Every structure is written in C-alpha cells, then in structure tokens.
Amino acid sequence: MWRQAAESSTLPKNLRDAVAWAAWMRALGLGDVLRVKRMSALLPESVRKTAGDSDEFPATLALLRNPGLRPHLQQGVQRSATYAQMEEFRDNWWCRWTDGFGNGGYNSEDKATASALPVEFLAAGEKKQAGEEAARLDALPSGAVWLGRRAIAYVKAHSEDKYAAEALGLTVRTTPLGCSNESGEKDKSVLSKEAFEMLHRMYPKSEWTLKTKYYY
C-alpha cells in the first residue's frame, strides 16, 4: 500500500517522495531486503544515488546525509523540499519509527486521539500485520542512535571504505541536533564519543577529522 501511494498520481510529487522514503526506511528497520530494493527505485535521485538498492552501509550513509528523512509522514508541511538540510531546532532524523498506528491512530503521544482514529480501510488481518510491524519498529532506538550504531559497526569491519571517515563525522553531528527520546540522549553521547575517537585515531588527516573538533 505504501508503494501504491508512492506511485499514485493522485498525490503531488513532494508527498509521493515522502511516502516513498518512509516506506523504504520502514523496510530497512524491519530488515525486509526485498521491499528495500523495490522502494529504492522510488527514492529522490539524490538519495538513490548514495543508497542504491542496498539495505546496508550505503543506506546508512544516505540517511546520515539527509537529516530530514523519516520513516513516517508528518501532518501539515512536509520536509520534502529540505530533507538534505540540517534543522537548527532538532527536527532531524526521527525520535520514533512510526506515527503511532500500532496504537490505533496516527498520534502515539495522544492516546485518546489514537484510540479514536482507527484505520478503517484495512481488513482485520492487515491491521494485525500493521500493528505487529509498528511494534517491531518502535522497539528500535531513535534514528540518531540506530544510524550511529550501524555506522560504527560498519567502519570497524571496513576501515578501508572511502566514506568511513565521513560516516563517523556525520555520526558525531547527529548528537546535538538529532531528535531522540529522553532515554536515547545517553546512548547518543556514548556513540558520539566512540565515533569521535575512532575518527581521530583511524583517519587523522581526513577533512572530516579536521572539522570534527568535539563530541557531544
């Protein structure tokens, strides 16, 4: 259904893009390699150029480079035109993986609203599947922590990658301006320090090392 919406001419292009990358990111979180490949073809060109159809490091790097991408849709004005720009008020990456559908509605912070807004166009089996997927996604850490862990693990195993230093530098950058829930703040700080120390130890002459002067 996400793919159908992303391909439908009923929606304007900016909303189709937002649906496409949300579906792609949800597939990444669920480890659904087949759907990652299918949805990657619908990503904005600048994102697709980095991510390709991979569910591994290229996808991680694409998300680190584009802080306005998120795995759900927002009400009102989307960040479709500014997804590559860092927002100064921490509206970057994502705190939660879903918009609360698993609780019956679209706003998980408002339980009364959520329970009052069931998604009636889905059959019972589809609602069950969607709820299970939402629960799996929301068990994952916030975007900055999830991406940081992926980036650090990859660089430890592939230190020769030409984008390794960039990934570590971007991981440090997620810390002060990346959205996270309260429990994720400590995790972000731990990852920031680890990425910073790896960057300076492993790539002392990299441009990313020179411009990454602090961890947070």
N, C-alpha and C. Protein backbone atom coordinates (compact mmCIF):
# COMPACT_ATOMS: atom_id res chain seq x y z
N MET A 1 0.82 -1.21 0.00
CA MET A 1 0.00 0.00 0.00
C MET A 1 0.86 1.26 0.00
N TRP A 2 1.96 1.23 0.73
CA TRP A 2 2.87 2.38 0.71
C TRP A 2 3.40 2.59 -0.71
N ARG A 3 3.77 1.50 -1.37
CA ARG A 3 4.30 1.62 -2.73
C ARG A 3 3.22 2.16 -3.67
N GLN A 4 2.00 1.66 -3.54
CA GLN A 4 0.91 2.13 -4.39
C GLN A 4 0.71 3.63 -4.21
N ALA A 5 0.76 4.09 -2.96
CA ALA A 5 0.60 5.52 -2.70
C ALA A 5 1.75 6.33 -3.28
N ALA A 6 2.96 5.77 -3.19
CA ALA A 6 4.13 6.48 -3.70
C ALA A 6 4.11 6.59 -5.22
N GLU A 7 3.43 5.67 -5.88
CA GLU A 7 3.37 5.66 -7.34
C GLU A 7 2.13 6.35 -7.88
N SER A 8 1.19 6.68 -7.02
CA SER A 8 -0.10 7.22 -7.47
C SER A 8 0.00 8.68 -7.88
N SER A 9 -0.56 9.00 -9.03
CA SER A 9 -0.58 10.39 -9.49
C SER A 9 -1.60 11.22 -8.72
N THR A 10 -2.37 10.58 -7.85
CA THR A 10 -3.33 11.32 -7.02
C THR A 10 -2.60 12.28 -6.08
N LEU A 11 -1.42 11.87 -5.62
CA LEU A 11 -0.63 12.70 -4.71
C LEU A 11 0.33 13.58 -5.50
N PRO A 12 0.60 14.80 -5.03
CA PRO A 12 1.64 15.62 -5.66
C PRO A 12 3.01 15.01 -5.40
N LYS A 13 4.00 15.39 -6.20
CA LYS A 13 5.30 14.74 -6.14
C LYS A 13 5.95 14.84 -4.76
N ASN A 14 5.84 15.98 -4.09
CA ASN A 14 6.51 16.09 -2.79
C ASN A 14 5.95 15.09 -1.78
N LEU A 15 4.63 14.81 -1.85
CA LEU A 15 4.06 13.81 -0.95
C LEU A 15 4.41 12.40 -1.38
N ARG A 16 4.47 12.17 -2.70
CA ARG A 16 4.89 10.85 -3.18
C ARG A 16 6.32 10.54 -2.71
N ASP A 17 7.20 11.55 -2.77
CA ASP A 17 8.57 11.35 -2.30
C ASP A 17 8.58 10.99 -0.81
N ALA A 18 7.78 11.72 -0.02
CA ALA A 18 7.75 11.47 1.42
C ALA A 18 7.23 10.07 1.73
N VAL A 19 6.21 9.64 1.00
CA VAL A 19 5.68 8.28 1.18
C VAL A 19 6.73 7.25 0.79
N ALA A 20 7.43 7.50 -0.33
CA ALA A 20 8.42 6.54 -0.83
C ALA A 20 9.55 6.35 0.16
N TRP A 21 10.12 7.44 0.68
CA TRP A 21 11.24 7.23 1.59
C TRP A 21 10.79 6.71 2.94
N ALA A 22 9.56 7.03 3.37
CA ALA A 22 9.05 6.45 4.61
C ALA A 22 8.91 4.94 4.47
N ALA A 23 8.38 4.49 3.35
CA ALA A 23 8.23 3.05 3.11
C ALA A 23 9.59 2.37 3.04
N TRP A 24 10.52 3.00 2.36
CA TRP A 24 11.88 2.46 2.24
C TRP A 24 12.54 2.34 3.61
N MET A 25 12.39 3.36 4.44
CA MET A 25 13.01 3.35 5.76
C MET A 25 12.36 2.32 6.68
N ARG A 26 11.06 2.16 6.58
CA ARG A 26 10.38 1.16 7.39
C ARG A 26 10.86 -0.24 7.00
N ALA A 27 11.04 -0.46 5.70
CA ALA A 27 11.56 -1.74 5.24
C ALA A 27 12.97 -1.97 5.78
N LEU A 28 13.79 -0.90 5.83
CA LEU A 28 15.13 -1.02 6.41
C LEU A 28 15.04 -1.46 7.87
N GLY A 29 14.18 -0.79 8.63
CA GLY A 29 14.04 -1.11 10.04
C GLY A 29 13.55 -2.52 10.28
N LEU A 30 12.70 -3.01 9.39
CA LEU A 30 12.15 -4.36 9.53
C LEU A 30 13.07 -5.42 8.96
N GLY A 31 14.16 -5.00 8.31
CA GLY A 31 15.05 -5.97 7.69
C GLY A 31 14.45 -6.66 6.49
N ASP A 32 13.53 -5.98 5.81
CA ASP A 32 12.83 -6.54 4.65
C ASP A 32 13.62 -6.18 3.39
N VAL A 33 14.60 -7.00 3.05
CA VAL A 33 15.52 -6.69 1.96
C VAL A 33 14.80 -6.54 0.63
N LEU A 34 13.82 -7.39 0.35
CA LEU A 34 13.10 -7.33 -0.92
C LEU A 34 12.39 -6.00 -1.08
N ARG A 35 11.70 -5.55 -0.04
CA ARG A 35 10.97 -4.28 -0.15
C ARG A 35 11.91 -3.07 -0.14
N VAL A 36 13.07 -3.20 0.51
CA VAL A 36 14.07 -2.14 0.40
C VAL A 36 14.45 -1.94 -1.06
N LYS A 37 14.72 -3.04 -1.75
CA LYS A 37 15.11 -2.96 -3.16
C LYS A 37 13.97 -2.38 -4.00
N ARG A 38 12.75 -2.80 -3.74
CA ARG A 38 11.62 -2.32 -4.53
C ARG A 38 11.39 -0.83 -4.32
N MET A 39 11.48 -0.37 -3.07
CA MET A 39 11.18 1.02 -2.78
C MET A 39 12.33 1.95 -3.14
N SER A 40 13.54 1.43 -3.23
CA SER A 40 14.69 2.29 -3.52
C SER A 40 14.56 2.95 -4.89
N ALA A 41 13.87 2.29 -5.81
CA ALA A 41 13.70 2.86 -7.15
C ALA A 41 12.85 4.12 -7.13
N LEU A 42 12.08 4.34 -6.07
CA LEU A 42 11.19 5.49 -5.97
C LEU A 42 11.77 6.62 -5.12
N LEU A 43 12.98 6.44 -4.61
CA LEU A 43 13.60 7.48 -3.78
C LEU A 43 13.97 8.69 -4.63
N PRO A 44 14.03 9.88 -4.02
CA PRO A 44 14.56 11.04 -4.75
C PRO A 44 15.95 10.72 -5.30
N GLU A 45 16.27 11.27 -6.45
CA GLU A 45 17.51 10.91 -7.14
C GLU A 45 18.75 11.10 -6.28
N SER A 46 18.80 12.20 -5.52
CA SER A 46 20.00 12.46 -4.72
C SER A 46 20.18 11.42 -3.62
N VAL A 47 19.08 10.90 -3.08
CA VAL A 47 19.15 9.86 -2.05
C VAL A 47 19.50 8.52 -2.69
N ARG A 48 18.85 8.23 -3.81
CA ARG A 48 19.07 6.96 -4.51
C ARG A 48 20.52 6.85 -4.99
N LYS A 49 21.12 7.97 -5.37
CA LYS A 49 22.50 7.96 -5.85
C LYS A 49 23.45 7.43 -4.79
N THR A 50 23.18 7.72 -3.53
CA THR A 50 24.02 7.22 -2.43
C THR A 50 23.58 5.84 -1.98
N ALA A 51 22.29 5.65 -1.79
CA ALA A 51 21.78 4.41 -1.19
C ALA A 51 21.76 3.24 -2.15
N GLY A 52 21.55 3.52 -3.45
CA GLY A 52 21.35 2.43 -4.39
C GLY A 52 20.17 1.59 -3.94
N ASP A 53 20.27 0.28 -4.09
CA ASP A 53 19.21 -0.60 -3.59
C ASP A 53 19.69 -1.40 -2.39
N SER A 54 20.72 -0.90 -1.73
CA SER A 54 21.32 -1.60 -0.60
C SER A 54 20.51 -1.40 0.68
N ASP A 55 20.58 -2.37 1.56
CA ASP A 55 19.98 -2.24 2.88
C ASP A 55 21.08 -2.12 3.94
N GLU A 56 22.33 -1.91 3.50
CA GLU A 56 23.45 -1.88 4.42
C GLU A 56 24.09 -0.48 4.45
N PHE A 57 25.42 -0.39 4.38
CA PHE A 57 26.09 0.88 4.62
C PHE A 57 25.67 2.01 3.68
N PRO A 58 25.49 1.78 2.37
CA PRO A 58 25.05 2.88 1.51
C PRO A 58 23.75 3.51 1.99
N ALA A 59 22.82 2.70 2.50
CA ALA A 59 21.58 3.23 3.04
C ALA A 59 21.83 4.05 4.30
N THR A 60 22.72 3.55 5.17
CA THR A 60 23.08 4.28 6.38
C THR A 60 23.67 5.64 6.04
N LEU A 61 24.59 5.67 5.08
CA LEU A 61 25.23 6.91 4.69
C LEU A 61 24.22 7.89 4.10
N ALA A 62 23.30 7.38 3.29
CA ALA A 62 22.28 8.25 2.70
C ALA A 62 21.43 8.90 3.78
N LEU A 63 21.10 8.15 4.81
CA LEU A 63 20.28 8.70 5.90
C LEU A 63 21.08 9.68 6.75
N LEU A 64 22.34 9.41 6.98
CA LEU A 64 23.18 10.35 7.72
C LEU A 64 23.32 11.67 6.97
N ARG A 65 23.34 11.61 5.65
CA ARG A 65 23.49 12.81 4.84
C ARG A 65 22.20 13.61 4.70
N ASN A 66 21.09 13.00 5.01
CA ASN A 66 19.79 13.63 4.78
C ASN A 66 18.96 13.63 6.06
N PRO A 67 19.19 14.57 6.95
CA PRO A 67 18.56 14.54 8.27
C PRO A 67 17.06 14.77 8.28
N GLY A 68 16.49 15.21 7.14
CA GLY A 68 15.04 15.44 7.11
C GLY A 68 14.24 14.21 6.73
N LEU A 69 14.89 13.10 6.39
CA LEU A 69 14.16 11.88 6.07
C LEU A 69 13.67 11.22 7.35
N ARG A 70 12.47 10.63 7.27
CA ARG A 70 11.94 9.92 8.43
C ARG A 70 10.99 8.82 7.99
N PRO A 71 10.78 7.81 8.83
CA PRO A 71 10.01 6.64 8.43
C PRO A 71 8.50 6.77 8.64
N HIS A 72 8.00 7.97 8.67
CA HIS A 72 6.55 8.18 8.78
C HIS A 72 6.23 9.54 8.18
N LEU A 73 4.95 9.82 7.97
CA LEU A 73 4.53 11.10 7.41
C LEU A 73 4.19 12.07 8.52
N GLN A 74 4.41 13.34 8.25
CA GLN A 74 4.04 14.39 9.18
C GLN A 74 2.72 15.01 8.78
N GLN A 75 1.99 15.54 9.76
CA GLN A 75 0.86 16.37 9.43
C GLN A 75 1.37 17.72 8.94
N GLY A 76 0.58 18.38 8.11
CA GLY A 76 0.94 19.72 7.68
C GLY A 76 2.09 19.73 6.69
N VAL A 77 2.94 20.74 6.81
CA VAL A 77 4.04 20.93 5.86
C VAL A 77 5.09 19.84 6.03
N GLN A 78 5.41 19.17 4.94
CA GLN A 78 6.42 18.13 4.95
C GLN A 78 7.81 18.76 4.79
N ARG A 79 8.84 17.97 5.09
CA ARG A 79 10.20 18.43 4.84
C ARG A 79 10.71 17.94 3.50
N SER A 80 9.80 17.69 2.57
CA SER A 80 10.19 17.12 1.29
C SER A 80 11.16 18.01 0.52
N ALA A 81 11.06 19.32 0.71
CA ALA A 81 11.93 20.23 -0.03
C ALA A 81 13.24 20.50 0.70
N THR A 82 13.32 20.10 1.96
CA THR A 82 14.50 20.44 2.75
C THR A 82 15.10 19.23 3.46
N TYR A 83 14.86 18.04 2.94
CA TYR A 83 15.28 16.85 3.66
C TYR A 83 16.81 16.75 3.77
N ALA A 84 17.55 17.43 2.91
CA ALA A 84 19.01 17.37 2.97
C ALA A 84 19.60 18.43 3.89
N GLN A 85 18.77 19.32 4.43
CA GLN A 85 19.27 20.41 5.25
C GLN A 85 19.11 20.10 6.74
N MET A 86 20.09 20.52 7.52
CA MET A 86 20.02 20.36 8.97
C MET A 86 19.12 21.45 9.56
N GLU A 87 18.18 21.05 10.40
CA GLU A 87 17.25 21.99 11.01
C GLU A 87 17.77 22.33 12.40
N GLU A 88 17.83 23.61 12.71
CA GLU A 88 18.52 24.05 13.93
C GLU A 88 17.77 23.72 15.22
N PHE A 89 16.49 23.38 15.12
CA PHE A 89 15.71 23.12 16.33
C PHE A 89 15.48 21.62 16.55
N ARG A 90 16.42 20.82 16.06
CA ARG A 90 16.47 19.38 16.32
C ARG A 90 15.37 18.59 15.61
N ASP A 91 14.80 19.15 14.58
CA ASP A 91 13.83 18.41 13.78
C ASP A 91 14.59 17.60 12.73
N ASN A 92 15.50 16.75 13.19
CA ASN A 92 16.38 15.99 12.31
C ASN A 92 16.33 14.51 12.68
N TRP A 93 16.43 13.66 11.66
CA TRP A 93 16.27 12.23 11.82
C TRP A 93 14.93 11.96 12.52
N TRP A 94 14.82 11.06 13.43
CA TRP A 94 13.48 10.75 13.97
C TRP A 94 13.59 10.20 15.37
N CYS A 95 12.59 10.52 16.18
CA CYS A 95 12.52 10.00 17.55
C CYS A 95 11.89 8.62 17.56
N ARG A 96 10.75 8.52 16.89
CA ARG A 96 10.01 7.25 16.80
C ARG A 96 9.99 6.77 15.36
N TRP A 97 9.85 5.46 15.21
CA TRP A 97 9.82 4.90 13.86
C TRP A 97 8.44 5.00 13.22
N THR A 98 7.40 5.04 14.04
CA THR A 98 6.06 5.10 13.46
C THR A 98 5.34 6.33 14.01
N ASP A 99 4.19 6.60 13.43
CA ASP A 99 3.39 7.75 13.87
C ASP A 99 2.33 7.32 14.87
N GLY A 100 2.45 6.10 15.38
CA GLY A 100 1.50 5.64 16.39
C GLY A 100 0.41 4.74 15.86
N PHE A 101 0.51 4.31 14.59
CA PHE A 101 -0.55 3.47 14.05
C PHE A 101 -0.77 2.22 14.88
N GLY A 102 0.31 1.69 15.44
CA GLY A 102 0.18 0.47 16.23
C GLY A 102 -0.73 0.64 17.44
N ASN A 103 -0.98 1.89 17.83
CA ASN A 103 -1.88 2.16 18.95
C ASN A 103 -3.29 2.50 18.47
N GLY A 104 -3.52 2.39 17.17
CA GLY A 104 -4.87 2.59 16.64
C GLY A 104 -5.07 3.88 15.90
N GLY A 105 -4.14 4.80 15.95
CA GLY A 105 -4.31 6.07 15.27
C GLY A 105 -3.01 6.58 14.74
N TYR A 106 -2.91 7.89 14.55
CA TYR A 106 -1.70 8.41 13.95
C TYR A 106 -0.84 9.19 14.94
N ASN A 107 -1.29 9.40 16.14
CA ASN A 107 -0.53 10.23 17.08
C ASN A 107 -0.33 9.46 18.38
N SER A 108 0.84 8.83 18.51
CA SER A 108 1.06 7.96 19.66
C SER A 108 1.17 8.73 20.96
N GLU A 109 1.43 10.04 20.90
CA GLU A 109 1.55 10.81 22.12
C GLU A 109 0.19 11.14 22.73
N ASP A 110 -0.86 11.03 21.94
CA ASP A 110 -2.21 11.33 22.40
C ASP A 110 -3.02 10.05 22.36
N LYS A 111 -3.06 9.33 23.45
CA LYS A 111 -3.69 8.01 23.46
C LYS A 111 -5.18 8.09 23.16
N ALA A 112 -5.84 9.14 23.64
CA ALA A 112 -7.27 9.27 23.39
C ALA A 112 -7.54 9.46 21.90
N THR A 113 -6.73 10.32 21.28
CA THR A 113 -6.88 10.55 19.84
C THR A 113 -6.56 9.28 19.07
N ALA A 114 -5.49 8.61 19.49
CA ALA A 114 -5.08 7.40 18.78
C ALA A 114 -6.17 6.35 18.79
N SER A 115 -6.76 6.11 19.94
CA SER A 115 -7.77 5.07 20.02
C SER A 115 -9.06 5.47 19.32
N ALA A 116 -9.25 6.77 19.11
CA ALA A 116 -10.47 7.24 18.47
C ALA A 116 -10.34 7.30 16.96
N LEU A 117 -9.16 7.03 16.43
CA LEU A 117 -8.94 7.17 14.99
C LEU A 117 -8.41 5.88 14.38
N PRO A 118 -9.21 4.81 14.41
CA PRO A 118 -8.77 3.56 13.80
C PRO A 118 -8.69 3.70 12.29
N VAL A 119 -7.85 2.89 11.67
CA VAL A 119 -7.68 2.93 10.22
C VAL A 119 -8.66 1.95 9.61
N GLU A 120 -9.83 2.45 9.21
CA GLU A 120 -10.94 1.57 8.86
C GLU A 120 -10.81 0.94 7.48
N PHE A 121 -9.94 1.46 6.61
CA PHE A 121 -9.87 0.90 5.26
C PHE A 121 -9.06 -0.39 5.19
N LEU A 122 -8.44 -0.79 6.30
CA LEU A 122 -7.69 -2.04 6.32
C LEU A 122 -8.56 -3.17 6.84
N ALA A 123 -8.35 -4.34 6.27
CA ALA A 123 -9.02 -5.53 6.76
C ALA A 123 -8.40 -5.94 8.10
N ALA A 124 -9.08 -6.82 8.82
CA ALA A 124 -8.62 -7.21 10.16
C ALA A 124 -7.21 -7.79 10.11
N GLY A 125 -6.94 -8.65 9.13
CA GLY A 125 -5.61 -9.25 9.03
C GLY A 125 -4.54 -8.22 8.72
N GLU A 126 -4.89 -7.23 7.90
CA GLU A 126 -3.94 -6.16 7.56
C GLU A 126 -3.66 -5.28 8.77
N LYS A 127 -4.70 -5.01 9.57
CA LYS A 127 -4.49 -4.23 10.79
C LYS A 127 -3.56 -4.97 11.75
N LYS A 128 -3.75 -6.27 11.84
CA LYS A 128 -2.90 -7.06 12.73
C LYS A 128 -1.45 -7.01 12.26
N GLN A 129 -1.25 -7.21 10.96
CA GLN A 129 0.11 -7.17 10.42
C GLN A 129 0.74 -5.80 10.61
N ALA A 130 -0.03 -4.74 10.34
CA ALA A 130 0.49 -3.38 10.50
C ALA A 130 0.85 -3.10 11.96
N GLY A 131 0.00 -3.54 12.88
CA GLY A 131 0.29 -3.35 14.29
C GLY A 131 1.54 -4.07 14.73
N GLU A 132 1.73 -5.30 14.21
CA GLU A 132 2.93 -6.06 14.55
C GLU A 132 4.18 -5.39 13.99
N GLU A 133 4.09 -4.88 12.77
CA GLU A 133 5.23 -4.18 12.18
C GLU A 133 5.55 -2.91 12.96
N ALA A 134 4.51 -2.18 13.34
CA ALA A 134 4.71 -0.95 14.11
C ALA A 134 5.39 -1.25 15.44
N ALA A 135 4.98 -2.33 16.09
CA ALA A 135 5.59 -2.70 17.37
C ALA A 135 7.06 -3.05 17.20
N ARG A 136 7.39 -3.77 16.14
CA ARG A 136 8.79 -4.12 15.87
C ARG A 136 9.62 -2.87 15.61
N LEU A 137 9.06 -1.94 14.85
CA LEU A 137 9.79 -0.71 14.53
C LEU A 137 10.00 0.15 15.77
N ASP A 138 8.96 0.29 16.57
CA ASP A 138 9.07 1.16 17.73
C ASP A 138 9.89 0.55 18.86
N ALA A 139 10.28 -0.71 18.72
CA ALA A 139 11.21 -1.31 19.67
C ALA A 139 12.65 -0.92 19.34
N LEU A 140 12.87 -0.33 18.15
CA LEU A 140 14.20 0.11 17.74
C LEU A 140 14.51 1.45 18.38
N PRO A 141 15.80 1.79 18.52
CA PRO A 141 16.16 3.09 19.08
C PRO A 141 15.85 4.22 18.11
N SER A 142 15.96 5.44 18.58
CA SER A 142 15.73 6.61 17.74
C SER A 142 16.71 6.63 16.57
N GLY A 143 16.39 7.45 15.58
CA GLY A 143 17.18 7.45 14.35
C GLY A 143 18.66 7.70 14.55
N ALA A 144 19.01 8.71 15.34
CA ALA A 144 20.42 9.04 15.54
C ALA A 144 21.18 7.88 16.16
N VAL A 145 20.57 7.20 17.12
CA VAL A 145 21.23 6.06 17.77
C VAL A 145 21.32 4.87 16.82
N TRP A 146 20.23 4.59 16.12
CA TRP A 146 20.21 3.46 15.18
C TRP A 146 21.26 3.64 14.09
N LEU A 147 21.32 4.83 13.52
CA LEU A 147 22.29 5.10 12.46
C LEU A 147 23.71 5.08 13.00
N GLY A 148 23.92 5.65 14.18
CA GLY A 148 25.26 5.66 14.76
C GLY A 148 25.79 4.26 15.00
N ARG A 149 24.96 3.40 15.51
CA ARG A 149 25.39 2.02 15.76
C ARG A 149 25.73 1.31 14.46
N ARG A 150 24.91 1.52 13.44
CA ARG A 150 25.18 0.90 12.14
C ARG A 150 26.48 1.42 11.55
N ALA A 151 26.68 2.74 11.61
CA ALA A 151 27.88 3.33 11.02
C ALA A 151 29.15 2.85 11.71
N ILE A 152 29.15 2.86 13.04
CA ILE A 152 30.33 2.45 13.79
C ILE A 152 30.65 0.97 13.54
N ALA A 153 29.63 0.13 13.55
CA ALA A 153 29.86 -1.30 13.31
C ALA A 153 30.45 -1.53 11.92
N TYR A 154 29.95 -0.79 10.94
CA TYR A 154 30.45 -0.97 9.58
C TYR A 154 31.91 -0.53 9.48
N VAL A 155 32.23 0.63 10.03
CA VAL A 155 33.60 1.14 9.93
C VAL A 155 34.58 0.22 10.64
N LYS A 156 34.18 -0.37 11.75
CA LYS A 156 35.06 -1.32 12.44
C LYS A 156 35.42 -2.50 11.54
N ALA A 157 34.48 -2.89 10.69
CA ALA A 157 34.70 -4.05 9.82
C ALA A 157 35.24 -3.67 8.45
N HIS A 158 35.12 -2.39 8.07
CA HIS A 158 35.52 -1.96 6.73
C HIS A 158 36.25 -0.62 6.82
N SER A 159 37.33 -0.59 7.54
CA SER A 159 38.03 0.67 7.79
C SER A 159 38.60 1.29 6.51
N GLU A 160 38.74 0.48 5.45
CA GLU A 160 39.30 0.99 4.20
C GLU A 160 38.29 1.71 3.33
N ASP A 161 37.02 1.66 3.70
CA ASP A 161 35.99 2.30 2.88
C ASP A 161 36.26 3.80 2.76
N LYS A 162 36.15 4.33 1.57
CA LYS A 162 36.46 5.75 1.35
C LYS A 162 35.48 6.70 2.03
N TYR A 163 34.32 6.16 2.43
CA TYR A 163 33.33 7.00 3.11
C TYR A 163 33.30 6.76 4.62
N ALA A 164 34.25 5.97 5.12
CA ALA A 164 34.24 5.62 6.55
C ALA A 164 34.40 6.85 7.43
N ALA A 165 35.35 7.72 7.11
CA ALA A 165 35.57 8.91 7.92
C ALA A 165 34.35 9.82 7.90
N GLU A 166 33.73 9.97 6.74
CA GLU A 166 32.52 10.79 6.65
C GLU A 166 31.42 10.23 7.53
N ALA A 167 31.24 8.92 7.50
CA ALA A 167 30.19 8.30 8.31
C ALA A 167 30.41 8.56 9.80
N LEU A 168 31.66 8.49 10.24
CA LEU A 168 31.95 8.77 11.65
C LEU A 168 31.73 10.25 11.98
N GLY A 169 32.16 11.13 11.08
CA GLY A 169 31.93 12.55 11.30
C GLY A 169 30.46 12.90 11.36
N LEU A 170 29.68 12.29 10.47
CA LEU A 170 28.25 12.54 10.46
C LEU A 170 27.57 11.96 11.69
N THR A 171 28.10 10.83 12.19
CA THR A 171 27.56 10.25 13.41
C THR A 171 27.73 11.21 14.58
N VAL A 172 28.90 11.83 14.67
CA VAL A 172 29.11 12.83 15.72
C VAL A 172 28.13 14.00 15.54
N ARG A 173 27.88 14.38 14.30
CA ARG A 173 27.00 15.51 14.02
C ARG A 173 25.56 15.25 14.43
N THR A 174 25.14 13.99 14.45
CA THR A 174 23.76 13.70 14.81
C THR A 174 23.47 14.01 16.28
N THR A 175 24.52 14.01 17.11
CA THR A 175 24.31 14.07 18.56
C THR A 175 23.63 15.34 19.05
N PRO A 176 24.12 16.54 18.72
CA PRO A 176 23.48 17.73 19.29
C PRO A 176 22.16 18.10 18.63
N LEU A 177 21.97 17.71 17.36
CA LEU A 177 20.80 18.19 16.62
C LEU A 177 19.84 17.08 16.20
N GLY A 178 20.13 15.85 16.56
CA GLY A 178 19.26 14.75 16.20
C GLY A 178 18.17 14.52 17.23
N CYS A 179 16.97 14.27 16.77
CA CYS A 179 15.85 14.01 17.66
C CYS A 179 16.06 12.68 18.39
N SER A 180 15.68 12.65 19.65
CA SER A 180 15.69 11.39 20.38
C SER A 180 14.80 11.54 21.60
N ASN A 181 14.33 10.42 22.12
CA ASN A 181 13.58 10.48 23.37
C ASN A 181 14.58 10.60 24.52
N GLU A 182 14.07 10.79 25.72
CA GLU A 182 14.94 11.05 26.86
C GLU A 182 15.94 9.93 27.10
N SER A 183 15.48 8.70 26.93
CA SER A 183 16.37 7.57 27.19
C SER A 183 17.46 7.45 26.13
N GLY A 184 17.24 8.09 24.96
CA GLY A 184 18.23 8.00 23.90
C GLY A 184 19.36 8.99 24.01
N GLU A 185 19.23 9.99 24.89
CA GLU A 185 20.27 11.01 25.00
C GLU A 185 21.60 10.43 25.47
N LYS A 186 21.56 9.54 26.45
CA LYS A 186 22.80 8.93 26.94
C LYS A 186 23.43 8.07 25.84
N ASP A 187 22.61 7.33 25.12
CA ASP A 187 23.12 6.49 24.04
C ASP A 187 23.78 7.34 22.96
N LYS A 188 23.18 8.48 22.64
CA LYS A 188 23.77 9.37 21.64
C LYS A 188 25.14 9.86 22.09
N SER A 189 25.26 10.22 23.35
CA SER A 189 26.53 10.72 23.86
C SER A 189 27.62 9.65 23.80
N VAL A 190 27.26 8.43 24.15
CA VAL A 190 28.22 7.33 24.10
C VAL A 190 28.69 7.11 22.66
N LEU A 191 27.75 7.10 21.72
CA LEU A 191 28.09 6.90 20.32
C LEU A 191 28.91 8.06 19.78
N SER A 192 28.57 9.27 20.18
CA SER A 192 29.30 10.45 19.73
C SER A 192 30.78 10.36 20.12
N LYS A 193 31.03 9.99 21.37
CA LYS A 193 32.41 9.87 21.84
C LYS A 193 33.14 8.76 21.10
N GLU A 194 32.49 7.61 20.93
CA GLU A 194 33.14 6.49 20.26
C GLU A 194 33.46 6.84 18.81
N ALA A 195 32.52 7.45 18.10
CA ALA A 195 32.74 7.83 16.71
C ALA A 195 33.85 8.87 16.60
N PHE A 196 33.85 9.83 17.51
CA PHE A 196 34.88 10.87 17.53
C PHE A 196 36.27 10.27 17.73
N GLU A 197 36.41 9.38 18.70
CA GLU A 197 37.71 8.79 18.98
C GLU A 197 38.18 7.90 17.83
N MET A 198 37.27 7.15 17.23
CA MET A 198 37.63 6.34 16.07
C MET A 198 38.08 7.22 14.92
N LEU A 199 37.35 8.28 14.67
CA LEU A 199 37.66 9.18 13.56
C LEU A 199 39.06 9.77 13.71
N HIS A 200 39.38 10.26 14.89
CA HIS A 200 40.68 10.91 15.10
C HIS A 200 41.83 9.89 15.15
N ARG A 201 41.55 8.70 15.61
CA ARG A 201 42.59 7.68 15.67
C ARG A 201 42.85 7.03 14.32
N MET A 202 41.79 6.74 13.57
CA MET A 202 41.92 5.98 12.34
C MET A 202 42.14 6.85 11.10
N TYR A 203 41.65 8.09 11.14
CA TYR A 203 41.73 8.94 9.95
C TYR A 203 42.21 10.35 10.34
N PRO A 204 43.41 10.46 10.89
CA PRO A 204 43.87 11.74 11.44
C PRO A 204 43.99 12.86 10.40
N LYS A 205 44.16 12.52 9.13
CA LYS A 205 44.35 13.54 8.10
C LYS A 205 43.09 13.80 7.28
N SER A 206 42.00 13.13 7.61
CA SER A 206 40.77 13.32 6.84
C SER A 206 40.19 14.72 7.06
N GLU A 207 39.55 15.25 6.03
CA GLU A 207 38.86 16.53 6.17
C GLU A 207 37.77 16.45 7.23
N TRP A 208 37.17 15.27 7.39
CA TRP A 208 36.12 15.10 8.39
C TRP A 208 36.70 15.15 9.80
N THR A 209 37.93 14.68 9.96
CA THR A 209 38.59 14.76 11.25
C THR A 209 38.90 16.21 11.60
N LEU A 210 39.38 16.95 10.62
CA LEU A 210 39.76 18.34 10.85
C LEU A 210 38.58 19.22 11.24
N LYS A 211 37.40 18.90 10.69
CA LYS A 211 36.25 19.75 11.00
C LYS A 211 35.36 19.16 12.11
N THR A 212 35.76 18.02 12.66
CA THR A 212 35.04 17.44 13.78
C THR A 212 35.89 17.61 15.02
N LYS A 213 35.74 18.73 15.67
CA LYS A 213 36.64 19.12 16.76
C LYS A 213 36.16 18.69 18.13
N TYR A 214 34.89 18.32 18.23
CA TYR A 214 34.32 17.98 19.52
C TYR A 214 33.36 16.80 19.38
N TYR A 215 33.13 16.12 20.48
CA TYR A 215 31.98 15.20 20.54
C TYR A 215 31.03 15.77 21.57
N TYR A 216 29.81 15.21 21.61
CA TYR A 216 28.75 15.85 22.41
C TYR A 216 28.13 14.88 23.39
